[in-house]
PDB file of N, CA and C in Angstrom:
ATOM      1  N   UNK A   1     107.592 127.087  90.957  1.00  0.00           N
ATOM      2  CA  UNK A   1     107.115 128.056  91.975  1.00  0.00           C
ATOM      3  C   UNK A   1     107.521 127.753  93.193  1.00  0.00           C
ATOM      4  N   UNK A   2     107.482 129.489  93.531  1.00  0.00           N
ATOM      5  CA  UNK A   2     108.636 129.816  94.530  1.00  0.00           C
ATOM      6  C   UNK A   2     107.372 129.058  95.877  1.00  0.00           C
ATOM      7  N   UNK A   3     108.214 129.315  97.292  1.00  0.00           N
ATOM      8  CA  UNK A   3     106.573 128.800  98.278  1.00  0.00           C
ATOM      9  C   UNK A   3     107.058 129.805  99.520  1.00  0.00           C
ATOM     10  N   UNK A   4     105.375 130.711  99.293  1.00  0.00           N
ATOM     11  CA  UNK A   4     105.754 131.360 100.447  1.00  0.00           C
ATOM     12  C   UNK A   4     105.527 130.573 102.012  1.00  0.00           C
ATOM     13  N   UNK A   5     105.608 131.369 102.611  1.00  0.00           N
ATOM     14  CA  UNK A   5     105.493 131.181 104.329  1.00  0.00           C
ATOM     15  C   UNK A   5     103.725 130.521 103.924  1.00  0.00           C
ATOM     16  N   UNK A   6     102.924 130.981 103.669  1.00  0.00           N
ATOM     17  CA  UNK A   6     101.679 130.031 103.912  1.00  0.00           C
ATOM     18  C   UNK A   6     100.722 130.309 102.115  1.00  0.00           C
ATOM     19  N   UNK A   7     100.270 129.434 101.834  1.00  0.00           N
ATOM     20  CA  UNK A   7      99.626 129.023 100.360  1.00  0.00           C
ATOM     21  C   UNK A   7      98.530 129.266 100.617  1.00  0.00           C
ATOM     22  N   UNK A   8      97.174 130.002 100.358  1.00  0.00           N
ATOM     23  CA  UNK A   8      95.925 129.455  99.935  1.00  0.00           C
ATOM     24  C   UNK A   8      96.049 129.236  98.154  1.00  0.00           C
ATOM     25  N   UNK A   9      95.628 128.014  98.538  1.00  0.00           N
ATOM     26  CA  UNK A   9      94.850 127.714  96.941  1.00  0.00           C
ATOM     27  C   UNK A   9      93.645 126.677  96.891  1.00  0.00           C
ATOM     28  N   UNK A  10      93.319 127.103  95.538  1.00  0.00           N
ATOM     29  CA  UNK A  10      91.548 126.756  94.999  1.00  0.00           C
ATOM     30  C   UNK A  10      91.513 125.672  94.608  1.00  0.00           C
ATOM     31  N   UNK A  11      90.857 124.497  95.342  1.00  0.00           N
ATOM     32  CA  UNK A  11      90.597 123.169  94.581  1.00  0.00           C
ATOM     33  C   UNK A  11      90.034 123.083  93.407  1.00  0.00           C
ATOM     34  N   UNK A  12      89.946 121.649  93.125  1.00  0.00           N
ATOM     35  CA  UNK A  12      89.231 121.398  92.350  1.00  0.00           C
ATOM     36  C   UNK A  12      87.739 120.509  92.622  1.00  0.00           C
ATOM     37  N   UNK A  13      87.048 120.642  91.580  1.00  0.00           N
ATOM     38  CA  UNK A  13      85.603 120.400  91.776  1.00  0.00           C
ATOM     39  C   UNK A  13      85.370 118.917  92.806  1.00  0.00           C
ATOM     40  N   UNK A  14      86.435 118.114  91.890  1.00  0.00           N
ATOM     41  CA  UNK A  14      86.331 116.758  92.187  1.00  0.00           C
ATOM     42  C   UNK A  14      87.984 116.469  93.318  1.00  0.00           C
ATOM     43  N   UNK A  15      86.975 116.413  94.684  1.00  0.00           N
ATOM     44  CA  UNK A  15      88.494 116.251  95.357  1.00  0.00           C
ATOM     45  C   UNK A  15      89.192 114.946  95.286  1.00  0.00           C
ATOM     46  N   UNK A  16      89.094 113.880  94.090  1.00  0.00           N
ATOM     47  CA  UNK A  16      90.278 113.228  93.826  1.00  0.00           C
ATOM     48  C   UNK A  16      91.349 113.363  93.033  1.00  0.00           C
ATOM     49  N   UNK A  17      91.487 114.195  93.070  1.00  0.00           N
ATOM     50  CA  UNK A  17      92.383 114.780  92.233  1.00  0.00           C
ATOM     51  C   UNK A  17      93.113 115.595  93.651  1.00  0.00           C
ATOM     52  N   UNK A  18      92.625 115.745  94.646  1.00  0.00           N
ATOM     53  CA  UNK A  18      93.956 116.582  95.494  1.00  0.00           C
ATOM     54  C   UNK A  18      95.173 115.884  95.622  1.00  0.00           C
ATOM     55  N   UNK A  19      95.161 114.555  96.229  1.00  0.00           N
ATOM     56  CA  UNK A  19      96.591 114.596  96.092  1.00  0.00           C
ATOM     57  C   UNK A  19      97.388 114.545  95.466  1.00  0.00           C
ATOM     58  N   UNK A  20      97.369 114.197  94.026  1.00  0.00           N
ATOM     59  CA  UNK A  20      98.067 114.922  92.768  1.00  0.00           C
ATOM     60  C   UNK A  20      98.487 115.704  92.729  1.00  0.00           C
ATOM     61  N   UNK A  21      97.619 117.637  92.954  1.00  0.00           N
ATOM     62  CA  UNK A  21      97.877 118.329  93.252  1.00  0.00           C
ATOM     63  C   UNK A  21      98.675 118.861  93.977  1.00  0.00           C
ATOM     64  N   UNK A  22      98.547 117.932  95.264  1.00  0.00           N
ATOM     65  CA  UNK A  22      99.773 118.124  96.553  1.00  0.00           C
ATOM     66  C   UNK A  22     100.997 118.378  96.443  1.00  0.00           C
ATOM     67  N   UNK A  23     101.278 117.002  95.187  1.00  0.00           N
ATOM     68  CA  UNK A  23     102.405 116.559  94.734  1.00  0.00           C
ATOM     69  C   UNK A  23     103.192 116.795  94.040  1.00  0.00           C
ATOM     70  N   UNK A  24     102.127 117.726  92.266  1.00  0.00           N
ATOM     71  CA  UNK A  24     102.663 118.471  92.215  1.00  0.00           C
ATOM     72  C   UNK A  24     103.302 119.763  92.669  1.00  0.00           C
ATOM     73  N   UNK A  25     102.040 120.228  93.913  1.00  0.00           N
ATOM     74  CA  UNK A  25     102.753 121.504  94.251  1.00  0.00           C
ATOM     75  C   UNK A  25     104.107 121.837  95.019  1.00  0.00           C
ATOM     76  N   UNK A  26     103.935 120.354  96.193  1.00  0.00           N
ATOM     77  CA  UNK A  26     105.695 120.068  96.387  1.00  0.00           C
ATOM     78  C   UNK A  26     106.041 119.016  95.319  1.00  0.00           C
ATOM     79  N   UNK A  27     106.964 118.714  95.197  1.00  0.00           N
ATOM     80  CA  UNK A  27     107.851 118.001  94.252  1.00  0.00           C
ATOM     81  C   UNK A  27     108.820 116.987  95.577  1.00  0.00           C
ATOM     82  N   UNK A  28     109.384 117.849  96.654  1.00  0.00           N
ATOM     83  CA  UNK A  28     110.312 118.145  97.299  1.00  0.00           C
ATOM     84  C   UNK A  28     110.323 116.964  97.836  1.00  0.00           C
ATOM     85  N   UNK A  29     109.038 116.375  98.805  1.00  0.00           N
ATOM     86  CA  UNK A  29     108.693 115.698  99.100  1.00  0.00           C
ATOM     87  C   UNK A  29     109.046 114.075  98.925  1.00  0.00           C
ATOM     88  N   UNK A  30     108.668 112.968 100.136  1.00  0.00           N
ATOM     89  CA  UNK A  30     109.294 111.573  99.840  1.00  0.00           C
ATOM     90  C   UNK A  30     107.761 111.067  99.508  1.00  0.00           C
ATOM     91  N   UNK A  31     106.786 111.473 100.250  1.00  0.00           N
ATOM     92  CA  UNK A  31     105.524 110.090  99.885  1.00  0.00           C
ATOM     93  C   UNK A  31     104.275 111.341 100.860  1.00  0.00           C
ATOM     94  N   UNK A  32     103.466 111.247 100.204  1.00  0.00           N
ATOM     95  CA  UNK A  32     102.132 111.659 101.023  1.00  0.00           C
ATOM     96  C   UNK A  32     101.452 110.869 102.559  1.00  0.00           C
ATOM     97  N   UNK A  33     101.352 111.387 103.411  1.00  0.00           N
ATOM     98  CA  UNK A  33     100.896 110.417 103.941  1.00  0.00           C
ATOM     99  C   UNK A  33      99.225 110.061 104.736  1.00  0.00           C
ATOM    100  N   UNK A  34      99.071 108.877 104.904  1.00  0.00           N
ATOM    101  CA  UNK A  34      98.131 107.828 104.446  1.00  0.00           C
ATOM    102  C   UNK A  34      97.640 107.042 105.657  1.00  0.00           C
ATOM    103  N   UNK A  35      96.526 107.941 105.636  1.00  0.00           N
ATOM    104  CA  UNK A  35      94.753 107.629 105.544  1.00  0.00           C
ATOM    105  C   UNK A  35      95.236 109.531 105.679  1.00  0.00           C
ATOM    106  N   UNK A  36      94.670 110.082 105.023  1.00  0.00           N
ATOM    107  CA  UNK A  36      93.961 111.662 105.318  1.00  0.00           C
ATOM    108  C   UNK A  36      93.479 111.816 106.563  1.00  0.00           C
ATOM    109  N   UNK A  37      93.195 112.844 107.050  1.00  0.00           N
ATOM    110  CA  UNK A  37      92.007 113.213 108.125  1.00  0.00           C
ATOM    111  C   UNK A  37      91.036 114.032 107.304  1.00  0.00           C
ATOM    112  N   UNK A  38      89.726 113.543 108.150  1.00  0.00           N
ATOM    113  CA  UNK A  38      88.341 114.311 108.419  1.00  0.00           C
ATOM    114  C   UNK A  38      87.872 114.459 109.409  1.00  0.00           C
ATOM    115  N   UNK A  39      88.476 115.803 109.541  1.00  0.00           N
ATOM    116  CA  UNK A  39      87.637 115.997 110.738  1.00  0.00           C
ATOM    117  C   UNK A  39      86.060 117.293 110.808  1.00  0.00           C
ATOM    118  N   UNK A  40      85.593 116.944 111.671  1.00  0.00           N
ATOM    119  CA  UNK A  40      83.744 117.733 112.245  1.00  0.00           C
ATOM    120  C   UNK A  40      84.275 118.260 113.068  1.00  0.00           C
ATOM    121  N   UNK A  41      83.893 119.429 113.154  1.00  0.00           N
ATOM    122  CA  UNK A  41      84.308 120.254 114.203  1.00  0.00           C
ATOM    123  C   UNK A  41      82.749 121.231 114.792  1.00  0.00           C
ATOM    124  N   UNK A  42      82.149 120.894 115.818  1.00  0.00           N
ATOM    125  CA  UNK A  42      80.885 121.331 116.225  1.00  0.00           C
ATOM    126  C   UNK A  42      80.839 122.082 116.851  1.00  0.00           C
ATOM    127  N   UNK A  43      79.978 122.999 116.782  1.00  0.00           N
ATOM    128  CA  UNK A  43      79.830 124.361 117.725  1.00  0.00           C
ATOM    129  C   UNK A  43      80.785 123.866 119.312  1.00  0.00           C
ATOM    130  N   UNK A  44      81.345 124.186 119.762  1.00  0.00           N
ATOM    131  CA  UNK A  44      82.794 124.704 120.607  1.00  0.00           C
ATOM    132  C   UNK A  44      83.962 123.315 120.541  1.00  0.00           C
ATOM    133  N   UNK A  45      83.553 122.772 119.572  1.00  0.00           N
ATOM    134  CA  UNK A  45      85.314 122.125 119.691  1.00  0.00           C
ATOM    135  C   UNK A  45      85.795 122.789 118.404  1.00  0.00           C
ATOM    136  N   UNK A  46      87.239 122.143 119.288  1.00  0.00           N
ATOM    137  CA  UNK A  46      88.042 123.083 117.975  1.00  0.00           C
ATOM    138  C   UNK A  46      89.914 122.469 118.625  1.00  0.00           C
ATOM    139  N   UNK A  47      90.512 122.532 118.299  1.00  0.00           N
ATOM    140  CA  UNK A  47      91.998 122.277 117.997  1.00  0.00           C
ATOM    141  C   UNK A  47      92.755 123.388 118.910  1.00  0.00           C
ATOM    142  N   UNK A  48      92.963 123.508 119.982  1.00  0.00           N
ATOM    143  CA  UNK A  48      94.554 124.168 120.771  1.00  0.00           C
ATOM    144  C   UNK A  48      96.025 123.789 119.400  1.00  0.00           C
ATOM    145  N   UNK A  49      96.337 125.047 119.806  1.00  0.00           N
ATOM    146  CA  UNK A  49      97.495 125.373 119.164  1.00  0.00           C
ATOM    147  C   UNK A  49      98.154 124.425 119.225  1.00  0.00           C
ATOM    148  N   UNK A  50      99.315 123.993 118.235  1.00  0.00           N
ATOM    149  CA  UNK A  50      99.851 122.845 117.814  1.00  0.00           C
ATOM    150  C   UNK A  50     100.726 122.883 116.785  1.00  0.00           C
ATOM    151  N   UNK A  51     101.141 121.936 116.522  1.00  0.00           N
ATOM    152  CA  UNK A  51     102.903 122.186 115.144  1.00  0.00           C
ATOM    153  C   UNK A  51     102.054 120.048 114.981  1.00  0.00           C
ATOM    154  N   UNK A  52     102.433 120.101 113.749  1.00  0.00           N
ATOM    155  CA  UNK A  52     101.737 118.759 113.422  1.00  0.00           C
ATOM    156  C   UNK A  52     102.792 117.687 112.987  1.00  0.00           C
ATOM    157  N   UNK A  53     104.318 118.422 113.351  1.00  0.00           N
ATOM    158  CA  UNK A  53     105.236 117.919 113.615  1.00  0.00           C
ATOM    159  C   UNK A  53     105.717 116.771 114.772  1.00  0.00           C
ATOM    160  N   UNK A  54     106.068 115.280 114.443  1.00  0.00           N
ATOM    161  CA  UNK A  54     105.846 114.334 115.849  1.00  0.00           C
ATOM    162  C   UNK A  54     107.189 113.670 115.909  1.00  0.00           C
ATOM    163  N   UNK A  55     107.837 113.941 116.646  1.00  0.00           N
ATOM    164  CA  UNK A  55     108.768 113.299 116.829  1.00  0.00           C
ATOM    165  C   UNK A  55     109.625 111.338 116.820  1.00  0.00           C
ATOM    166  N   UNK A  56     110.459 110.773 116.822  1.00  0.00           N
ATOM    167  CA  UNK A  56     110.967 109.685 116.813  1.00  0.00           C
ATOM    168  C   UNK A  56     109.843 109.017 116.116  1.00  0.00           C
ATOM    169  N   UNK A  57     109.413 109.539 114.662  1.00  0.00           N
ATOM    170  CA  UNK A  57     109.150 108.255 113.504  1.00  0.00           C
ATOM    171  C   UNK A  57     110.291 108.396 112.995  1.00  0.00           C
ATOM    172  N   UNK A  58     109.681 107.530 112.119  1.00  0.00           N
ATOM    173  CA  UNK A  58     111.147 106.795 111.040  1.00  0.00           C
ATOM    174  C   UNK A  58     110.203 107.836 109.125  1.00  0.00           C
ATOM    175  N   UNK A  59     109.054 109.149 109.720  1.00  0.00           N
ATOM    176  CA  UNK A  59     108.501 109.839 108.759  1.00  0.00           C
ATOM    177  C   UNK A  59     108.492 111.478 109.492  1.00  0.00           C
ATOM    178  N   UNK A  60     108.517 112.160 109.034  1.00  0.00           N
ATOM    179  CA  UNK A  60     107.870 113.326 110.026  1.00  0.00           C
ATOM    180  C   UNK A  60     107.368 114.647 108.535  1.00  0.00           C
ATOM    181  N   UNK A  61     106.787 114.665 109.247  1.00  0.00           N
ATOM    182  CA  UNK A  61     105.855 116.192 108.522  1.00  0.00           C
ATOM    183  C   UNK A  61     106.411 116.929 107.972  1.00  0.00           C
ATOM    184  N   UNK A  62     106.087 117.495 106.865  1.00  0.00           N
ATOM    185  CA  UNK A  62     106.719 118.578 106.130  1.00  0.00           C
ATOM    186  C   UNK A  62     106.043 119.796 106.147  1.00  0.00           C
ATOM    187  N   UNK A  63     104.575 119.797 105.057  1.00  0.00           N
ATOM    188  CA  UNK A  63     104.197 120.349 104.938  1.00  0.00           C
ATOM    189  C   UNK A  63     102.318 120.046 104.800  1.00  0.00           C
ATOM    190  N   UNK A  64     101.667 120.701 105.467  1.00  0.00           N
ATOM    191  CA  UNK A  64     100.148 120.531 105.757  1.00  0.00           C
ATOM    192  C   UNK A  64      98.906 121.086 105.034  1.00  0.00           C
ATOM    193  N   UNK A  65      97.961 119.950 104.904  1.00  0.00           N
ATOM    194  CA  UNK A  65      97.501 120.964 103.801  1.00  0.00           C
ATOM    195  C   UNK A  65      96.512 120.096 103.868  1.00  0.00           C
ATOM    196  N   UNK A  66      95.181 121.491 104.331  1.00  0.00           N
ATOM    197  CA  UNK A  66      94.180 121.308 105.161  1.00  0.00           C
ATOM    198  C   UNK A  66      93.481 122.040 104.179  1.00  0.00           C
ATOM    199  N   UNK A  67      92.008 121.236 104.063  1.00  0.00           N
ATOM    200  CA  UNK A  67      90.487 121.721 103.489  1.00  0.00           C
ATOM    201  C   UNK A  67      89.902 121.428 103.616  1.00  0.00           C
ATOM    202  N   UNK A  68      88.847 123.340 103.802  1.00  0.00           N
ATOM    203  CA  UNK A  68      87.442 122.992 104.025  1.00  0.00           C
ATOM    204  C   UNK A  68      86.388 122.744 102.968  1.00  0.00           C
ATOM    205  N   UNK A  69      86.035 121.486 103.714  1.00  0.00           N
ATOM    206  CA  UNK A  69      84.665 120.384 102.889  1.00  0.00           C
ATOM    207  C   UNK A  69      84.028 121.448 103.070  1.00  0.00           C
ATOM    208  N   UNK A  70      82.804 121.947 104.335  1.00  0.00           N
ATOM    209  CA  UNK A  70      82.142 122.706 104.795  1.00  0.00           C
ATOM    210  C   UNK A  70      81.980 123.697 106.034  1.00  0.00           C
ATOM    211  N   UNK A  71      82.157 125.391 105.723  1.00  0.00           N
ATOM    212  CA  UNK A  71      82.725 126.513 106.797  1.00  0.00           C
ATOM    213  C   UNK A  71      81.276 126.254 107.286  1.00  0.00           C
ATOM    214  N   UNK A  72      81.847 127.027 108.469  1.00  0.00           N
ATOM    215  CA  UNK A  72      80.961 126.966 109.664  1.00  0.00           C
ATOM    216  C   UNK A  72      81.648 128.851 110.144  1.00  0.00           C
ATOM    217  N   UNK A  73      79.677 129.189 110.792  1.00  0.00           N
ATOM    218  CA  UNK A  73      80.323 130.222 111.344  1.00  0.00           C
ATOM    219  C   UNK A  73      81.170 130.310 112.753  1.00  0.00           C
ATOM    220  N   UNK A  74      81.862 131.102 112.779  1.00  0.00           N
ATOM    221  CA  UNK A  74      83.455 131.217 113.849  1.00  0.00           C
ATOM    222  C   UNK A  74      84.408 130.085 113.103  1.00  0.00           C
ATOM    223  N   UNK A  75      84.070 129.425 112.728  1.00  0.00           N
ATOM    224  CA  UNK A  75      85.112 128.737 112.476  1.00  0.00           C
ATOM    225  C   UNK A  75      86.393 128.583 111.985  1.00  0.00           C
ATOM    226  N   UNK A  76      87.401 129.368 112.146  1.00  0.00           N
ATOM    227  CA  UNK A  76      88.516 129.365 110.981  1.00  0.00           C
ATOM    228  C   UNK A  76      89.547 128.720 111.315  1.00  0.00           C
ATOM    229  N   UNK A  77      90.803 129.297 110.466  1.00  0.00           N
ATOM    230  CA  UNK A  77      92.354 128.701 110.702  1.00  0.00           C
ATOM    231  C   UNK A  77      92.834 129.418 111.208  1.00  0.00           C
ATOM    232  N   UNK A  78      93.846 129.795 112.334  1.00  0.00           N
ATOM    233  CA  UNK A  78      94.820 130.479 112.851  1.00  0.00           C
ATOM    234  C   UNK A  78      96.364 130.397 112.584  1.00  0.00           C
ATOM    235  N   UNK A  79      96.871 130.729 111.721  1.00  0.00           N
ATOM    236  CA  UNK A  79      98.583 130.258 111.463  1.00  0.00           C
ATOM    237  C   UNK A  79      99.468 131.182 111.890  1.00  0.00           C
ATOM    238  N   UNK A  80     100.034 130.726 113.307  1.00  0.00           N
ATOM    239  CA  UNK A  80     100.901 132.151 114.106  1.00  0.00           C
ATOM    240  C   UNK A  80     100.125 132.758 114.309  1.00  0.00           C
ATOM    241  N   UNK A  81     100.265 134.101 113.739  1.00  0.00           N
ATOM    242  CA  UNK A  81      99.078 135.186 114.155  1.00  0.00           C
ATOM    243  C   UNK A  81      98.224 136.189 112.987  1.00  0.00           C
ATOM    244  N   UNK A  82      98.030 134.701 111.596  1.00  0.00           N
ATOM    245  CA  UNK A  82      96.805 135.715 111.176  1.00  0.00           C
ATOM    246  C   UNK A  82      96.107 134.106 110.680  1.00  0.00           C
ATOM    247  N   UNK A  83      94.524 134.618 110.988  1.00  0.00           N
ATOM    248  CA  UNK A  83      93.405 134.560 110.387  1.00  0.00           C
ATOM    249  C   UNK A  83      93.336 133.812 109.936  1.00  0.00           C
ATOM    250  N   UNK A  84      92.411 132.701 108.626  1.00  0.00           N
ATOM    251  CA  UNK A  84      92.494 132.621 107.799  1.00  0.00           C
ATOM    252  C   UNK A  84      91.044 131.963 107.546  1.00  0.00           C
ATOM    253  N   UNK A  85      89.650 132.807 106.909  1.00  0.00           N
ATOM    254  CA  UNK A  85      88.500 132.157 106.516  1.00  0.00           C
ATOM    255  C   UNK A  85      88.185 131.426 104.864  1.00  0.00           C
ATOM    256  N   UNK A  86      88.250 130.074 105.688  1.00  0.00           N
ATOM    257  CA  UNK A  86      88.486 129.445 104.442  1.00  0.00           C
ATOM    258  C   UNK A  86      87.233 128.816 103.461  1.00  0.00           C
ATOM    259  N   UNK A  87      86.652 129.320 102.552  1.00  0.00           N
ATOM    260  CA  UNK A  87      85.547 128.915 102.426  1.00  0.00           C
ATOM    261  C   UNK A  87      85.410 127.140 101.708  1.00  0.00           C
ATOM    262  N   UNK A  88      84.070 127.020 101.608  1.00  0.00           N
ATOM    263  CA  UNK A  88      84.091 125.144 101.138  1.00  0.00           C
ATOM    264  C   UNK A  88      85.195 125.224  99.820  1.00  0.00           C
ATOM    265  N   UNK A  89      85.841 124.039  99.547  1.00  0.00           N
ATOM    266  CA  UNK A  89      87.216 123.316  98.257  1.00  0.00           C
ATOM    267  C   UNK A  89      87.991 124.700  98.224  1.00  0.00           C
ATOM    268  N   UNK A  90      88.297 125.287  99.496  1.00  0.00           N
ATOM    269  CA  UNK A  90      89.233 125.998  99.867  1.00  0.00           C
ATOM    270  C   UNK A  90      91.140 125.639 101.040  1.00  0.00           C
ATOM    271  N   UNK A  91      91.951 125.755 100.024  1.00  0.00           N
ATOM    272  CA  UNK A  91      92.725 124.757 100.786  1.00  0.00           C
ATOM    273  C   UNK A  91      93.935 125.908 101.158  1.00  0.00           C
ATOM    274  N   UNK A  92      94.285 125.481 102.832  1.00  0.00           N
ATOM    275  CA  UNK A  92      95.630 126.172 102.708  1.00  0.00           C
ATOM    276  C   UNK A  92      96.819 125.693 102.964  1.00  0.00           C
ATOM    277  N   UNK A  93      97.548 125.953 102.188  1.00  0.00           N
ATOM    278  CA  UNK A  93      99.043 124.910 102.452  1.00  0.00           C
ATOM    279  C   UNK A  93     100.107 125.619 103.530  1.00  0.00           C
ATOM    280  N   UNK A  94     101.241 125.197 104.342  1.00  0.00           N
ATOM    281  CA  UNK A  94     102.121 125.397 105.089  1.00  0.00           C
ATOM    282  C   UNK A  94     102.745 124.562 105.802  1.00  0.00           C
ATOM    283  N   UNK A  95     104.524 125.136 105.859  1.00  0.00           N
ATOM    284  CA  UNK A  95     104.874 124.058 106.376  1.00  0.00           C
ATOM    285  C   UNK A  95     104.251 123.389 108.283  1.00  0.00           C
ATOM    286  N   UNK A  96     104.628 122.162 108.298  1.00  0.00           N
ATOM    287  CA  UNK A  96     103.646 121.702 109.385  1.00  0.00           C
ATOM    288  C   UNK A  96     104.507 122.122 110.800  1.00  0.00           C
ATOM    289  N   UNK A  97     105.510 122.819 110.665  1.00  0.00           N
ATOM    290  CA  UNK A  97     106.027 122.955 111.719  1.00  0.00           C
ATOM    291  C   UNK A  97     105.249 124.406 112.714  1.00  0.00           C
ATOM    292  N   UNK A  98     104.803 124.903 111.636  1.00  0.00           N
ATOM    293  CA  UNK A  98     104.332 126.278 112.111  1.00  0.00           C
ATOM    294  C   UNK A  98     102.713 125.881 113.174  1.00  0.00           C
ATOM    295  N   UNK A  99     103.468 127.203 114.215  1.00  0.00           N
ATOM    296  CA  UNK A  99     102.009 126.857 115.471  1.00  0.00           C
ATOM    297  C   UNK A  99     100.518 127.495 114.725  1.00  0.00           C
ATOM    298  N   UNK A 100      99.915 126.117 114.980  1.00  0.00           N
ATOM    299  CA  UNK A 100      98.863 126.860 114.054  1.00  0.00           C
ATOM    300  C   UNK A 100      97.240 126.167 115.222  1.00  0.00           C
ATOM    301  N   UNK A 101      95.876 126.534 114.553  1.00  0.00           N
ATOM    302  CA  UNK A 101      95.104 126.020 116.058  1.00  0.00           C
ATOM    303  C   UNK A 101      93.806 126.060 114.419  1.00  0.00           C
ATOM    304  N   UNK A 102      92.600 124.866 115.139  1.00  0.00           N
ATOM    305  CA  UNK A 102      91.153 125.576 114.538  1.00  0.00           C
ATOM    306  C   UNK A 102      90.608 125.934 115.924  1.00  0.00           C
ATOM    307  N   UNK A 103      89.688 127.224 115.201  1.00  0.00           N
ATOM    308  CA  UNK A 103      88.483 127.796 116.341  1.00  0.00           C
ATOM    309  C   UNK A 103      87.635 126.795 116.143  1.00  0.00           C
ATOM    310  N   UNK A 104      86.506 127.163 117.301  1.00  0.00           N
ATOM    311  CA  UNK A 104      85.202 126.438 117.141  1.00  0.00           C
ATOM    312  C   UNK A 104      83.904 126.984 116.270  1.00  0.00           C
ATOM    313  N   UNK A 105      83.330 126.514 116.024  1.00  0.00           N
ATOM    314  CA  UNK A 105      81.938 127.452 115.544  1.00  0.00           C
ATOM    315  C   UNK A 105      81.076 127.687 116.508  1.00  0.00           C
ATOM    316  N   UNK A 106      80.704 128.642 115.923  1.00  0.00           N
ATOM    317  CA  UNK A 106      79.870 129.384 117.119  1.00  0.00           C
ATOM    318  C   UNK A 106      78.778 128.822 116.210  1.00  0.00           C
ATOM    319  N   UNK A 107      78.006 128.350 115.697  1.00  0.00           N
ATOM    320  CA  UNK A 107      76.799 127.744 114.904  1.00  0.00           C
ATOM    321  C   UNK A 107      77.642 126.719 114.052  1.00  0.00           C
ATOM    322  N   UNK A 108      76.781 126.094 113.580  1.00  0.00           N
ATOM    323  CA  UNK A 108      76.218 125.248 112.379  1.00  0.00           C
ATOM    324  C   UNK A 108      77.866 124.158 112.538  1.00  0.00           C
ATOM    325  N   UNK A 109      78.292 123.343 111.357  1.00  0.00           N
ATOM    326  CA  UNK A 109      79.078 122.087 111.675  1.00  0.00           C
ATOM    327  C   UNK A 109      80.683 122.506 110.689  1.00  0.00           C
ATOM    328  N   UNK A 110      81.129 122.566 110.622  1.00  0.00           N
ATOM    329  CA  UNK A 110      82.544 122.785 109.890  1.00  0.00           C
ATOM    330  C   UNK A 110      83.168 121.125 109.851  1.00  0.00           C
ATOM    331  N   UNK A 111      83.391 120.851 108.425  1.00  0.00           N
ATOM    332  CA  UNK A 111      83.858 119.888 108.001  1.00  0.00           C
ATOM    333  C   UNK A 111      85.516 119.955 107.502  1.00  0.00           C
ATOM    334  N   UNK A 112      86.733 119.515 107.558  1.00  0.00           N
ATOM    335  CA  UNK A 112      88.288 120.094 106.653  1.00  0.00           C
ATOM    336  C   UNK A 112      88.423 118.366 106.656  1.00  0.00           C
ATOM    337  N   UNK A 113      89.440 118.631 105.759  1.00  0.00           N
ATOM    338  CA  UNK A 113      90.355 117.269 105.021  1.00  0.00           C
ATOM    339  C   UNK A 113      92.009 117.432 104.754  1.00  0.00           C
ATOM    340  N   UNK A 114      92.521 116.868 105.894  1.00  0.00           N
ATOM    341  CA  UNK A 114      94.051 117.559 106.092  1.00  0.00           C
ATOM    342  C   UNK A 114      94.673 116.145 105.934  1.00  0.00           C
ATOM    343  N   UNK A 115      95.335 116.524 105.025  1.00  0.00           N
ATOM    344  CA  UNK A 115      96.729 115.722 104.236  1.00  0.00           C
ATOM    345  C   UNK A 115      98.547 116.121 104.868  1.00  0.00           C
ATOM    346  N   UNK A 116      99.052 115.745 104.661  1.00  0.00           N
ATOM    347  CA  UNK A 116     100.517 115.906 104.802  1.00  0.00           C
ATOM    348  C   UNK A 116     101.640 115.410 103.769  1.00  0.00           C
ATOM    349  N   UNK A 117     102.408 116.684 103.763  1.00  0.00           N
ATOM    350  CA  UNK A 117     103.253 116.342 102.426  1.00  0.00           C
ATOM    351  C   UNK A 117     104.814 115.366 104.036  1.00  0.00           C
ATOM    352  N   UNK A 118     104.732 114.318 103.208  1.00  0.00           N
ATOM    353  CA  UNK A 118     105.939 113.537 104.483  1.00  0.00           C
ATOM    354  C   UNK A 118     107.539 113.379 104.510  1.00  0.00           C
ATOM    355  N   UNK A 119     108.277 113.723 104.762  1.00  0.00           N
ATOM    356  CA  UNK A 119     109.489 112.961 104.515  1.00  0.00           C
ATOM    357  C   UNK A 119     110.241 112.055 104.982  1.00  0.00           C
ATOM    358  N   UNK A 120     110.975 111.198 104.745  1.00  0.00           N
ATOM    359  CA  UNK A 120     112.118 109.987 105.118  1.00  0.00           C
ATOM    360  C   UNK A 120     112.909 110.733 106.526  1.00  0.00           C
ATOM    361  N   UNK A 121     112.920 110.255 107.715  1.00  0.00           N
ATOM    362  CA  UNK A 121     113.469 110.661 108.989  1.00  0.00           C
ATOM    363  C   UNK A 121     115.047 109.948 108.278  1.00  0.00           C
ATOM    364  N   UNK A 122     116.191 110.111 107.786  1.00  0.00           N
ATOM    365  CA  UNK A 122     117.060 109.275 107.705  1.00  0.00           C
ATOM    366  C   UNK A 122     118.576 109.409 108.988  1.00  0.00           C
ATOM    367  N   UNK A 123     119.565 108.826 109.251  1.00  0.00           N
ATOM    368  CA  UNK A 123     120.525 108.709 110.161  1.00  0.00           C
ATOM    369  C   UNK A 123     120.217 109.569 111.394  1.00  0.00           C
TER     370      UNK A 123
END
């Protein structure tokens, strides 16, 4: 499978298959970060523009997978100059060094699950 800059994928109805799907989708990674991150966004809560890469560690985040578990009005994922409005059960995979943010819900509560494919830092 050829990797595009950003991929939107539809997840299995049962979320316990999530990690296995991610491993098969990106076989060149070394391992999956554990634990995963579960985020709750209430109206007004958001993540500013950032990258998921953290330097100075024995591993580096290579790819980010974020899944909308429960959407909310106004809550979107923005990756560089593109806005993604994900429905429940939809996820997006992108290189962890891309600038991205999560916008705040205008009403309701958004839940998201995030997991990272990791690479070991050598030398």
